[in-house]
Protein backbone atom coordinates (compact mmCIF):
# COMPACT_ATOMS: atom_id res chain seq x y z
CA UNK A 1 8.88 -16.05 31.04
CA UNK A 2 8.50 -12.31 30.65
CA UNK A 3 4.86 -12.52 29.60
CA UNK A 4 4.91 -15.44 32.54
CA UNK A 5 6.51 -12.75 34.84
CA UNK A 6 4.17 -9.78 34.23
CA UNK A 7 0.80 -11.21 33.74
CA UNK A 8 1.68 -15.22 35.56
CA UNK A 9 -1.08 -15.98 38.99
CA UNK A 10 0.76 -15.96 42.08
CA UNK A 11 -2.67 -17.75 44.05
CA UNK A 12 -5.42 -18.81 43.23
CA UNK A 13 -7.48 -16.20 43.02
CA UNK A 14 -5.55 -15.14 39.83
CA UNK A 15 -7.11 -17.60 37.07
CA UNK A 16 -7.97 -15.00 34.60
CA UNK A 17 -4.34 -13.83 34.72
CA UNK A 18 -3.09 -17.90 33.01
CA UNK A 19 -6.17 -17.51 30.10
CA UNK A 20 -4.16 -14.12 30.45
CA UNK A 21 -1.24 -14.74 29.82
CA UNK A 22 -2.08 -17.99 28.04
CA UNK A 23 -3.54 -14.92 25.23
CA UNK A 24 -0.33 -12.80 25.26
CA UNK A 25 1.27 -16.31 24.42
CA UNK A 26 -0.81 -16.89 21.65
CA UNK A 27 -0.23 -13.35 19.95
CA UNK A 28 4.13 -12.85 20.69
CA UNK A 29 4.15 -17.09 18.91
CA UNK A 30 2.22 -15.33 15.91
CA UNK A 31 4.08 -12.31 15.24
CA UNK A 32 6.93 -13.90 15.96
CA UNK A 33 6.06 -16.79 13.02
CA UNK A 34 4.99 -14.46 11.06
CA UNK A 35 8.90 -12.12 11.21
CA UNK A 36 10.22 -15.57 10.66
CA UNK A 37 7.93 -18.26 9.93
CA UNK A 38 8.77 -20.85 12.27
CA UNK A 39 9.65 -21.08 16.52
CA UNK A 40 11.83 -23.67 16.05
CA UNK A 41 15.41 -23.43 16.65
CA UNK A 42 16.38 -25.60 14.38
CA UNK A 43 14.25 -24.86 11.51
CA UNK A 44 15.86 -21.23 12.31
CA UNK A 45 18.92 -21.72 12.11
CA UNK A 46 18.93 -24.93 9.67
CA UNK A 47 21.50 -27.07 11.67
CA UNK A 48 19.91 -29.65 14.98
CA UNK A 49 22.07 -27.56 18.03
CA UNK A 50 20.44 -30.59 20.52
CA UNK A 51 23.08 -32.46 18.80
CA UNK A 52 27.03 -32.38 20.05
CA UNK A 53 27.46 -32.02 16.11
CA UNK A 54 25.26 -30.04 16.01
CA UNK A 55 26.21 -27.40 18.55
CA UNK A 56 29.24 -27.44 17.60
CA UNK A 57 28.77 -26.79 14.24
CA UNK A 58 26.76 -23.89 15.03
CA UNK A 59 29.31 -22.93 16.74
CA UNK A 60 32.35 -23.25 14.08
CA UNK A 61 29.36 -21.98 11.78
CA UNK A 62 28.79 -18.46 14.09
CA UNK A 63 25.72 -19.22 13.77
CA UNK A 64 24.65 -17.74 17.32
CA UNK A 65 26.06 -14.62 16.83
CA UNK A 66 24.72 -14.17 12.59
CA UNK A 67 21.21 -15.62 13.26
CA UNK A 68 20.32 -16.17 16.47
CA UNK A 69 20.72 -12.01 17.60
CA UNK A 70 18.31 -11.27 15.33
CA UNK A 71 16.49 -13.66 16.34
CA UNK A 72 16.15 -12.30 20.46
CA UNK A 73 16.56 -8.76 18.71
CA UNK A 74 12.53 -9.58 17.09
CA UNK A 75 11.20 -11.29 20.13
CA UNK A 76 11.59 -7.98 22.19
CA UNK A 77 10.11 -6.26 19.43
CA UNK A 78 7.33 -8.59 20.24
CA UNK A 79 7.32 -8.59 23.27
CA UNK A 80 7.76 -4.96 23.58
CA UNK A 81 4.39 -4.38 21.56
CA UNK A 82 2.18 -7.13 23.32
CA UNK A 83 3.17 -5.73 26.58
């Protein structure tokens, strides 16, 4: 979302910004994967939170605090580098 807000096109004459956004998203994905091996939440935390049971288990285990904070920090650091 941050990449789109900064470099997304706001009218038809800005078509070149669409490709720039795609390129930056690809760069972000590559860098995040280099740090964490994947961009998929269920693979990052080891639980499928799309189910009620998985979400409850992740909450019970404190994964959003213990693991997700690091992934958010990684994402912010990468965004700061590429933007």
